[in-house]
PDB file of N, CA and C in Angstrom:
ATOM      1  N   MET A   1     -18.192 -27.238  43.759  1.00  0.00           N
ATOM      2  CA  MET A   1     -17.159 -27.972  43.130  1.00  0.00           C
ATOM      3  C   MET A   1     -15.818 -27.585  43.744  1.00  0.00           C
ATOM      4  N   SER A   2     -14.980 -28.565  43.911  1.00  0.00           N
ATOM      5  CA  SER A   2     -13.688 -28.263  44.530  1.00  0.00           C
ATOM      6  C   SER A   2     -12.717 -27.752  43.460  1.00  0.00           C
ATOM      7  N   ARG A   3     -11.730 -27.088  43.897  1.00  0.00           N
ATOM      8  CA  ARG A   3     -10.742 -26.492  43.010  1.00  0.00           C
ATOM      9  C   ARG A   3      -9.871 -27.561  42.335  1.00  0.00           C
ATOM     10  N   ALA A   4      -9.711 -28.716  42.868  1.00  0.00           N
ATOM     11  CA  ALA A   4      -8.876 -29.782  42.318  1.00  0.00           C
ATOM     12  C   ALA A   4      -9.473 -30.304  41.017  1.00  0.00           C
ATOM     13  N   PHE A   5     -10.790 -30.239  40.858  1.00  0.00           N
ATOM     14  CA  PHE A   5     -11.449 -30.786  39.666  1.00  0.00           C
ATOM     15  C   PHE A   5     -11.903 -29.686  38.702  1.00  0.00           C
ATOM     16  N   ASP A   6     -11.457 -28.465  38.886  1.00  0.00           N
ATOM     17  CA  ASP A   6     -11.860 -27.366  38.033  1.00  0.00           C
ATOM     18  C   ASP A   6     -11.012 -27.420  36.755  1.00  0.00           C
ATOM     19  N   LEU A   7     -11.623 -27.655  35.578  1.00  0.00           N
ATOM     20  CA  LEU A   7     -10.905 -27.826  34.324  1.00  0.00           C
ATOM     21  C   LEU A   7     -10.777 -26.523  33.524  1.00  0.00           C
ATOM     22  N   ARG A   8     -11.329 -25.471  34.060  1.00  0.00           N
ATOM     23  CA  ARG A   8     -11.212 -24.192  33.339  1.00  0.00           C
ATOM     24  C   ARG A   8      -9.790 -23.683  33.430  1.00  0.00           C
ATOM     25  N   ARG A   9      -9.379 -23.022  32.345  1.00  0.00           N
ATOM     26  CA  ARG A   9      -8.027 -22.454  32.313  1.00  0.00           C
ATOM     27  C   ARG A   9      -8.014 -21.175  33.149  1.00  0.00           C
ATOM     28  N   PRO A  10      -6.982 -21.031  33.973  1.00  0.00           N
ATOM     29  CA  PRO A  10      -6.902 -19.799  34.759  1.00  0.00           C
ATOM     30  C   PRO A  10      -6.559 -18.614  33.875  1.00  0.00           C
ATOM     31  N   ALA A  11      -6.970 -17.443  34.278  1.00  0.00           N
ATOM     32  CA  ALA A  11      -6.671 -16.238  33.523  1.00  0.00           C
ATOM     33  C   ALA A  11      -5.151 -15.993  33.538  1.00  0.00           C
ATOM     34  N   PRO A  12      -4.588 -15.536  32.418  1.00  0.00           N
ATOM     35  CA  PRO A  12      -3.141 -15.277  32.390  1.00  0.00           C
ATOM     36  C   PRO A  12      -2.770 -14.180  33.360  1.00  0.00           C
ATOM     37  N   THR A  13      -1.681 -14.399  34.014  1.00  0.00           N
ATOM     38  CA  THR A  13      -1.215 -13.409  34.983  1.00  0.00           C
ATOM     39  C   THR A  13      -0.335 -12.393  34.282  1.00  0.00           C
ATOM     40  N   SER A  14      -0.033 -11.354  34.971  1.00  0.00           N
ATOM     41  CA  SER A  14       0.806 -10.306  34.382  1.00  0.00           C
ATOM     42  C   SER A  14       2.216 -10.830  34.118  1.00  0.00           C
ATOM     43  N   THR A  15       2.693 -11.768  34.914  1.00  0.00           N
ATOM     44  CA  THR A  15       3.999 -12.356  34.705  1.00  0.00           C
ATOM     45  C   THR A  15       4.049 -13.141  33.394  1.00  0.00           C
ATOM     46  N   THR A  16       2.983 -13.876  33.131  1.00  0.00           N
ATOM     47  CA  THR A  16       2.916 -14.625  31.872  1.00  0.00           C
ATOM     48  C   THR A  16       2.876 -13.695  30.678  1.00  0.00           C
ATOM     49  N   MET A  17       2.103 -12.647  30.783  1.00  0.00           N
ATOM     50  CA  MET A  17       2.010 -11.676  29.692  1.00  0.00           C
ATOM     51  C   MET A  17       3.361 -10.998  29.470  1.00  0.00           C
ATOM     52  N   LEU A  18       4.056 -10.690  30.521  1.00  0.00           N
ATOM     53  CA  LEU A  18       5.382 -10.060  30.414  1.00  0.00           C
ATOM     54  C   LEU A  18       6.365 -11.021  29.752  1.00  0.00           C
ATOM     55  N   ALA A  19       6.320 -12.277  30.117  1.00  0.00           N
ATOM     56  CA  ALA A  19       7.228 -13.267  29.523  1.00  0.00           C
ATOM     57  C   ALA A  19       6.963 -13.419  28.017  1.00  0.00           C
ATOM     58  N   VAL A  20       5.692 -13.447  27.624  1.00  0.00           N
ATOM     59  CA  VAL A  20       5.354 -13.553  26.205  1.00  0.00           C
ATOM     60  C   VAL A  20       5.822 -12.299  25.460  1.00  0.00           C
ATOM     61  N   PHE A  21       5.622 -11.148  26.055  1.00  0.00           N
ATOM     62  CA  PHE A  21       6.049  -9.887  25.428  1.00  0.00           C
ATOM     63  C   PHE A  21       7.563  -9.844  25.267  1.00  0.00           C
ATOM     64  N   LEU A  22       8.309 -10.241  26.274  1.00  0.00           N
ATOM     65  CA  LEU A  22       9.769 -10.238  26.192  1.00  0.00           C
ATOM     66  C   LEU A  22      10.265 -11.262  25.179  1.00  0.00           C
ATOM     67  N   PHE A  23       9.627 -12.403  25.097  1.00  0.00           N
ATOM     68  CA  PHE A  23       9.991 -13.424  24.125  1.00  0.00           C
ATOM     69  C   PHE A  23       9.761 -12.897  22.689  1.00  0.00           C
ATOM     70  N   ALA A  24       8.673 -12.185  22.483  1.00  0.00           N
ATOM     71  CA  ALA A  24       8.400 -11.598  21.177  1.00  0.00           C
ATOM     72  C   ALA A  24       9.445 -10.531  20.825  1.00  0.00           C
ATOM     73  N   ILE A  25       9.821  -9.720  21.801  1.00  0.00           N
ATOM     74  CA  ILE A  25      10.848  -8.692  21.558  1.00  0.00           C
ATOM     75  C   ILE A  25      12.178  -9.327  21.192  1.00  0.00           C
ATOM     76  N   VAL A  26      12.583 -10.361  21.893  1.00  0.00           N
ATOM     77  CA  VAL A  26      13.857 -11.045  21.598  1.00  0.00           C
ATOM     78  C   VAL A  26      13.798 -11.678  20.209  1.00  0.00           C
ATOM     79  N   GLY A  27      12.676 -12.283  19.874  1.00  0.00           N
ATOM     80  CA  GLY A  27      12.513 -12.870  18.546  1.00  0.00           C
ATOM     81  C   GLY A  27      12.629 -11.819  17.447  1.00  0.00           C
ATOM     82  N   LEU A  28      11.987 -10.677  17.650  1.00  0.00           N
ATOM     83  CA  LEU A  28      12.059  -9.602  16.666  1.00  0.00           C
ATOM     84  C   LEU A  28      13.487  -9.066  16.558  1.00  0.00           C
ATOM     85  N   ALA A  29      14.168  -8.957  17.669  1.00  0.00           N
ATOM     86  CA  ALA A  29      15.575  -8.490  17.623  1.00  0.00           C
ATOM     87  C   ALA A  29      16.443  -9.473  16.856  1.00  0.00           C
ATOM     88  N   CYS A  30      16.215 -10.768  17.007  1.00  0.00           N
ATOM     89  CA  CYS A  30      16.995 -11.765  16.259  1.00  0.00           C
ATOM     90  C   CYS A  30      16.723 -11.663  14.761  1.00  0.00           C
ATOM     91  N   VAL A  31      15.474 -11.507  14.378  1.00  0.00           N
ATOM     92  CA  VAL A  31      15.130 -11.358  12.954  1.00  0.00           C
ATOM     93  C   VAL A  31      15.801 -10.120  12.386  1.00  0.00           C
ATOM     94  N   LEU A  32      15.747  -9.008  13.100  1.00  0.00           N
ATOM     95  CA  LEU A  32      16.369  -7.791  12.605  1.00  0.00           C
ATOM     96  C   LEU A  32      17.883  -7.906  12.528  1.00  0.00           C
ATOM     97  N   ALA A  33      18.484  -8.612  13.450  1.00  0.00           N
ATOM     98  CA  ALA A  33      19.946  -8.813  13.436  1.00  0.00           C
ATOM     99  C   ALA A  33      20.336  -9.640  12.217  1.00  0.00           C
ATOM    100  N   ILE A  34      19.572 -10.660  11.892  1.00  0.00           N
ATOM    101  CA  ILE A  34      19.864 -11.484  10.714  1.00  0.00           C
ATOM    102  C   ILE A  34      19.731 -10.655   9.442  1.00  0.00           C
ATOM    103  N   GLN A  35      18.705  -9.812   9.368  1.00  0.00           N
ATOM    104  CA  GLN A  35      18.532  -8.950   8.186  1.00  0.00           C
ATOM    105  C   GLN A  35      19.685  -7.940   8.079  1.00  0.00           C
ATOM    106  N   ALA A  36      20.118  -7.393   9.191  1.00  0.00           N
ATOM    107  CA  ALA A  36      21.219  -6.427   9.171  1.00  0.00           C
ATOM    108  C   ALA A  36      22.520  -7.112   8.723  1.00  0.00           C
ATOM    109  N   TYR A  37      22.754  -8.309   9.165  1.00  0.00           N
ATOM    110  CA  TYR A  37      23.936  -9.039   8.741  1.00  0.00           C
ATOM    111  C   TYR A  37      23.925  -9.300   7.250  1.00  0.00           C
ATOM    112  N   GLY A  38      22.763  -9.697   6.730  1.00  0.00           N
ATOM    113  CA  GLY A  38      22.641  -9.918   5.287  1.00  0.00           C
ATOM    114  C   GLY A  38      22.858  -8.645   4.495  1.00  0.00           C
ATOM    115  N   ALA A  39      22.316  -7.520   4.984  1.00  0.00           N
ATOM    116  CA  ALA A  39      22.493  -6.246   4.298  1.00  0.00           C
ATOM    117  C   ALA A  39      23.964  -5.827   4.319  1.00  0.00           C
ATOM    118  N   ALA A  40      24.653  -6.045   5.417  1.00  0.00           N
ATOM    119  CA  ALA A  40      26.053  -5.688   5.526  1.00  0.00           C
ATOM    120  C   ALA A  40      26.887  -6.500   4.534  1.00  0.00           C
ATOM    121  N   ARG A  41      26.582  -7.799   4.405  1.00  0.00           N
ATOM    122  CA  ARG A  41      27.309  -8.652   3.444  1.00  0.00           C
ATOM    123  C   ARG A  41      27.040  -8.193   2.022  1.00  0.00           C
ATOM    124  N   SER A  42      25.815  -7.822   1.747  1.00  0.00           N
ATOM    125  CA  SER A  42      25.465  -7.347   0.396  1.00  0.00           C
ATOM    126  C   SER A  42      26.174  -6.047   0.085  1.00  0.00           C
ATOM    127  N   HIS A  43      26.217  -5.134   1.037  1.00  0.00           N
ATOM    128  CA  HIS A  43      26.896  -3.853   0.839  1.00  0.00           C
ATOM    129  C   HIS A  43      28.395  -4.059   0.629  1.00  0.00           C
ATOM    130  N   ARG A  44      28.972  -4.978   1.365  1.00  0.00           N
ATOM    131  CA  ARG A  44      30.400  -5.248   1.224  1.00  0.00           C
ATOM    132  C   ARG A  44      30.716  -5.806  -0.153  1.00  0.00           C
ATOM    133  N   ALA A  45      29.868  -6.729  -0.620  1.00  0.00           N
ATOM    134  CA  ALA A  45      30.074  -7.311  -1.955  1.00  0.00           C
ATOM    135  C   ALA A  45      29.944  -6.240  -3.032  1.00  0.00           C
ATOM    136  N   THR A  46      28.967  -5.359  -2.877  1.00  0.00           N
ATOM    137  CA  THR A  46      28.779  -4.300  -3.858  1.00  0.00           C
ATOM    138  C   THR A  46      29.983  -3.353  -3.845  1.00  0.00           C
ATOM    139  N   THR A  47      30.475  -3.012  -2.666  1.00  0.00           N
ATOM    140  CA  THR A  47      31.613  -2.121  -2.559  1.00  0.00           C
ATOM    141  C   THR A  47      32.861  -2.743  -3.188  1.00  0.00           C
ATOM    142  N   GLU A  48      33.091  -4.026  -2.937  1.00  0.00           N
ATOM    143  CA  GLU A  48      34.247  -4.692  -3.530  1.00  0.00           C
ATOM    144  C   GLU A  48      34.166  -4.707  -5.048  1.00  0.00           C
ATOM    145  N   ALA A  49      32.966  -4.948  -5.583  1.00  0.00           N
ATOM    146  CA  ALA A  49      32.782  -4.964  -7.031  1.00  0.00           C
ATOM    147  C   ALA A  49      33.037  -3.579  -7.637  1.00  0.00           C
ATOM    148  N   VAL A  50      32.526  -2.543  -6.978  1.00  0.00           N
ATOM    149  CA  VAL A  50      32.730  -1.192  -7.482  1.00  0.00           C
ATOM    150  C   VAL A  50      34.214  -0.817  -7.447  1.00  0.00           C
ATOM    151  N   LEU A  51      34.889  -1.146  -6.344  1.00  0.00           N
ATOM    152  CA  LEU A  51      36.319  -0.811  -6.243  1.00  0.00           C
ATOM    153  C   LEU A  51      37.149  -1.593  -7.258  1.00  0.00           C
ATOM    154  N   THR A  52      36.787  -2.831  -7.511  1.00  0.00           N
ATOM    155  CA  THR A  52      37.504  -3.623  -8.508  1.00  0.00           C
ATOM    156  C   THR A  52      37.324  -3.017  -9.894  1.00  0.00           C
ATOM    157  N   ASP A  53      36.092  -2.625 -10.218  1.00  0.00           N
ATOM    158  CA  ASP A  53      35.833  -1.977 -11.518  1.00  0.00           C
ATOM    159  C   ASP A  53      36.582  -0.667 -11.615  1.00  0.00           C
ATOM    160  N   TYR A  54      36.580   0.114 -10.547  1.00  0.00           N
ATOM    161  CA  TYR A  54      37.284   1.411 -10.575  1.00  0.00           C
ATOM    162  C   TYR A  54      38.774   1.208 -10.742  1.00  0.00           C
ATOM    163  N   ALA A  55      39.331   0.199 -10.077  1.00  0.00           N
ATOM    164  CA  ALA A  55      40.773  -0.067 -10.212  1.00  0.00           C
ATOM    165  C   ALA A  55      41.114  -0.417 -11.648  1.00  0.00           C
ATOM    166  N   GLY A  56      40.263  -1.195 -12.300  1.00  0.00           N
ATOM    167  CA  GLY A  56      40.502  -1.519 -13.713  1.00  0.00           C
ATOM    168  C   GLY A  56      40.445  -0.296 -14.599  1.00  0.00           C
ATOM    169  N   ILE A  57      39.468   0.571 -14.356  1.00  0.00           N
ATOM    170  CA  ILE A  57      39.337   1.795 -15.139  1.00  0.00           C
ATOM    171  C   ILE A  57      40.538   2.712 -14.900  1.00  0.00           C
ATOM    172  N   ALA A  58      40.951   2.832 -13.635  1.00  0.00           N
ATOM    173  CA  ALA A  58      42.080   3.701 -13.309  1.00  0.00           C
ATOM    174  C   ALA A  58      43.365   3.174 -13.944  1.00  0.00           C
ATOM    175  N   ALA A  59      43.564   1.869 -13.940  1.00  0.00           N
ATOM    176  CA  ALA A  59      44.754   1.287 -14.545  1.00  0.00           C
ATOM    177  C   ALA A  59      44.755   1.511 -16.052  1.00  0.00           C
ATOM    178  N   ALA A  60      43.615   1.345 -16.687  1.00  0.00           N
ATOM    179  CA  ALA A  60      43.532   1.566 -18.121  1.00  0.00           C
ATOM    180  C   ALA A  60      43.791   3.027 -18.461  1.00  0.00           C
ATOM    181  N   GLU A  61      43.238   3.920 -17.682  1.00  0.00           N
ATOM    182  CA  GLU A  61      43.457   5.361 -17.922  1.00  0.00           C
ATOM    183  C   GLU A  61      44.916   5.740 -17.694  1.00  0.00           C
ATOM    184  N   TYR A  62      45.526   5.195 -16.649  1.00  0.00           N
ATOM    185  CA  TYR A  62      46.938   5.461 -16.381  1.00  0.00           C
ATOM    186  C   TYR A  62      47.798   4.958 -17.527  1.00  0.00           C
ATOM    187  N   GLY A  63      47.515   3.768 -18.000  1.00  0.00           N
ATOM    188  CA  GLY A  63      48.260   3.219 -19.129  1.00  0.00           C
ATOM    189  C   GLY A  63      48.089   4.052 -20.391  1.00  0.00           C
ATOM    190  N   ARG A  64      46.854   4.527 -20.624  1.00  0.00           N
ATOM    191  CA  ARG A  64      46.604   5.346 -21.808  1.00  0.00           C
ATOM    192  C   ARG A  64      47.375   6.661 -21.738  1.00  0.00           C
ATOM    193  N   VAL A  65      47.363   7.306 -20.590  1.00  0.00           N
ATOM    194  CA  VAL A  65      48.062   8.572 -20.429  1.00  0.00           C
ATOM    195  C   VAL A  65      49.566   8.381 -20.482  1.00  0.00           C
ATOM    196  N   ALA A  66      50.065   7.314 -19.893  1.00  0.00           N
ATOM    197  CA  ALA A  66      51.510   7.058 -19.888  1.00  0.00           C
ATOM    198  C   ALA A  66      52.013   6.802 -21.308  1.00  0.00           C
ATOM    199  N   VAL A  67      51.285   6.074 -22.103  1.00  0.00           N
ATOM    200  CA  VAL A  67      51.707   5.800 -23.483  1.00  0.00           C
ATOM    201  C   VAL A  67      51.641   7.064 -24.320  1.00  0.00           C
ATOM    202  N   ARG A  68      50.626   7.891 -24.074  1.00  0.00           N
ATOM    203  CA  ARG A  68      50.495   9.127 -24.858  1.00  0.00           C
ATOM    204  C   ARG A  68      51.635  10.097 -24.546  1.00  0.00           C
ATOM    205  N   ARG A  69      52.057  10.180 -23.296  1.00  0.00           N
ATOM    206  CA  ARG A  69      53.115  11.113 -22.919  1.00  0.00           C
ATOM    207  C   ARG A  69      54.496  10.639 -23.370  1.00  0.00           C
ATOM    208  N   ASP A  70      54.761   9.374 -23.228  1.00  0.00           N
ATOM    209  CA  ASP A  70      56.069   8.827 -23.552  1.00  0.00           C
ATOM    210  C   ASP A  70      55.878   7.428 -24.133  1.00  0.00           C
ATOM    211  N   PRO A  71      55.852   7.307 -25.435  1.00  0.00           N
ATOM    212  CA  PRO A  71      55.579   5.988 -26.024  1.00  0.00           C
ATOM    213  C   PRO A  71      56.653   4.953 -25.757  1.00  0.00           C
ATOM    214  N   SER A  72      57.865   5.373 -25.404  1.00  0.00           N
ATOM    215  CA  SER A  72      58.930   4.422 -25.155  1.00  0.00           C
ATOM    216  C   SER A  72      59.676   4.795 -23.870  1.00  0.00           C
ATOM    217  N   PRO A  73      59.133   4.462 -22.729  1.00  0.00           N
ATOM    218  CA  PRO A  73      59.796   4.855 -21.473  1.00  0.00           C
ATOM    219  C   PRO A  73      61.139   4.147 -21.248  1.00  0.00           C
ATOM    220  N   VAL A  74      61.360   2.995 -21.855  1.00  0.00           N
ATOM    221  CA  VAL A  74      62.620   2.272 -21.660  1.00  0.00           C
ATOM    222  C   VAL A  74      63.759   3.023 -22.340  1.00  0.00           C
ATOM    223  N   GLN A  75      63.540   3.564 -23.522  1.00  0.00           N
ATOM    224  CA  GLN A  75      64.596   4.274 -24.231  1.00  0.00           C
ATOM    225  C   GLN A  75      64.922   5.617 -23.577  1.00  0.00           C
ATOM    226  N   ALA A  76      63.965   6.223 -22.904  1.00  0.00           N
ATOM    227  CA  ALA A  76      64.181   7.526 -22.292  1.00  0.00           C
ATOM    228  C   ALA A  76      64.695   7.408 -20.870  1.00  0.00           C
ATOM    229  N   TRP A  77      64.994   6.224 -20.386  1.00  0.00           N
ATOM    230  CA  TRP A  77      65.340   6.042 -18.990  1.00  0.00           C
ATOM    231  C   TRP A  77      66.594   6.777 -18.561  1.00  0.00           C
ATOM    232  N   PRO A  78      67.720   6.757 -19.288  1.00  0.00           N
ATOM    233  CA  PRO A  78      68.925   7.443 -18.789  1.00  0.00           C
ATOM    234  C   PRO A  78      68.707   8.952 -18.611  1.00  0.00           C
ATOM    235  N   TYR A  79      67.879   9.539 -19.413  1.00  0.00           N
ATOM    236  CA  TYR A  79      67.650  10.980 -19.310  1.00  0.00           C
ATOM    237  C   TYR A  79      66.227  11.171 -18.841  1.00  0.00           C
ATOM    238  N   ALA A  80      66.059  11.544 -17.594  1.00  0.00           N
ATOM    239  CA  ALA A  80      64.721  11.738 -17.069  1.00  0.00           C
ATOM    240  C   ALA A  80      64.192  13.114 -17.370  1.00  0.00           C
ATOM    241  N   GLY A  81      65.054  14.054 -17.807  1.00  0.00           N
ATOM    242  CA  GLY A  81      64.614  15.397 -18.115  1.00  0.00           C
ATOM    243  C   GLY A  81      64.497  16.227 -16.845  1.00  0.00           C
ATOM    244  N   PRO A  82      64.251  17.519 -17.025  1.00  0.00           N
ATOM    245  CA  PRO A  82      64.141  18.389 -15.848  1.00  0.00           C
ATOM    246  C   PRO A  82      62.920  18.077 -15.019  1.00  0.00           C
ATOM    247  N   ARG A  83      63.105  18.111 -13.735  1.00  0.00           N
ATOM    248  CA  ARG A  83      61.964  17.876 -12.844  1.00  0.00           C
ATOM    249  C   ARG A  83      61.228  19.164 -12.596  1.00  0.00           C
ATOM    250  N   ARG A  84      59.971  19.070 -12.342  1.00  0.00           N
ATOM    251  CA  ARG A  84      59.192  20.252 -11.989  1.00  0.00           C
ATOM    252  C   ARG A  84      59.683  20.798 -10.655  1.00  0.00           C
ATOM    253  N   GLY A  85      59.824  22.079 -10.578  1.00  0.00           N
ATOM    254  CA  GLY A  85      60.249  22.708  -9.341  1.00  0.00           C
ATOM    255  C   GLY A  85      61.769  22.803  -9.207  1.00  0.00           C
ATOM    256  N   ALA A  86      62.507  22.169 -10.105  1.00  0.00           N
ATOM    257  CA  ALA A  86      63.965  22.235 -10.046  1.00  0.00           C
ATOM    258  C   ALA A  86      64.415  23.610 -10.536  1.00  0.00           C
ATOM    259  N   LEU A  87      65.588  24.039 -10.090  1.00  0.00           N
ATOM    260  CA  LEU A  87      66.094  25.331 -10.526  1.00  0.00           C
ATOM    261  C   LEU A  87      66.342  25.314 -12.016  1.00  0.00           C
ATOM    262  N   GLY A  88      65.892  26.344 -12.682  1.00  0.00           N
ATOM    263  CA  GLY A  88      66.081  26.460 -14.112  1.00  0.00           C
ATOM    264  C   GLY A  88      65.026  25.731 -14.927  1.00  0.00           C
ATOM    265  N   ALA A  89      64.184  24.948 -14.292  1.00  0.00           N
ATOM    266  CA  ALA A  89      63.117  24.247 -15.026  1.00  0.00           C
ATOM    267  C   ALA A  89      61.945  25.215 -15.196  1.00  0.00           C
ATOM    268  N   GLY A  90      61.403  25.290 -16.385  1.00  0.00           N
ATOM    269  CA  GLY A  90      60.337  26.232 -16.716  1.00  0.00           C
ATOM    270  C   GLY A  90      59.107  25.919 -16.050  1.00  0.00           C
TER     271      GLY A  90
END
């Protein structure tokens, strides 16, 4: 039989196997990059939520302490009192 009419599939060459392997590696790298991007977005959203909550807690605590120390800061404005570290201040 002549080679022109041979319908059998030729055995894969090493070049073909290398191309398939490299294509699989690139595909895997793309999938991992997409997952990493999604994880980074999720972490950023979580961080922003935590910082927003912390800012609210810090503001509430600051307000609570400020009111407890001086209930009327507007009336006490002309006299700030002795500063810490000033001469003669206890």
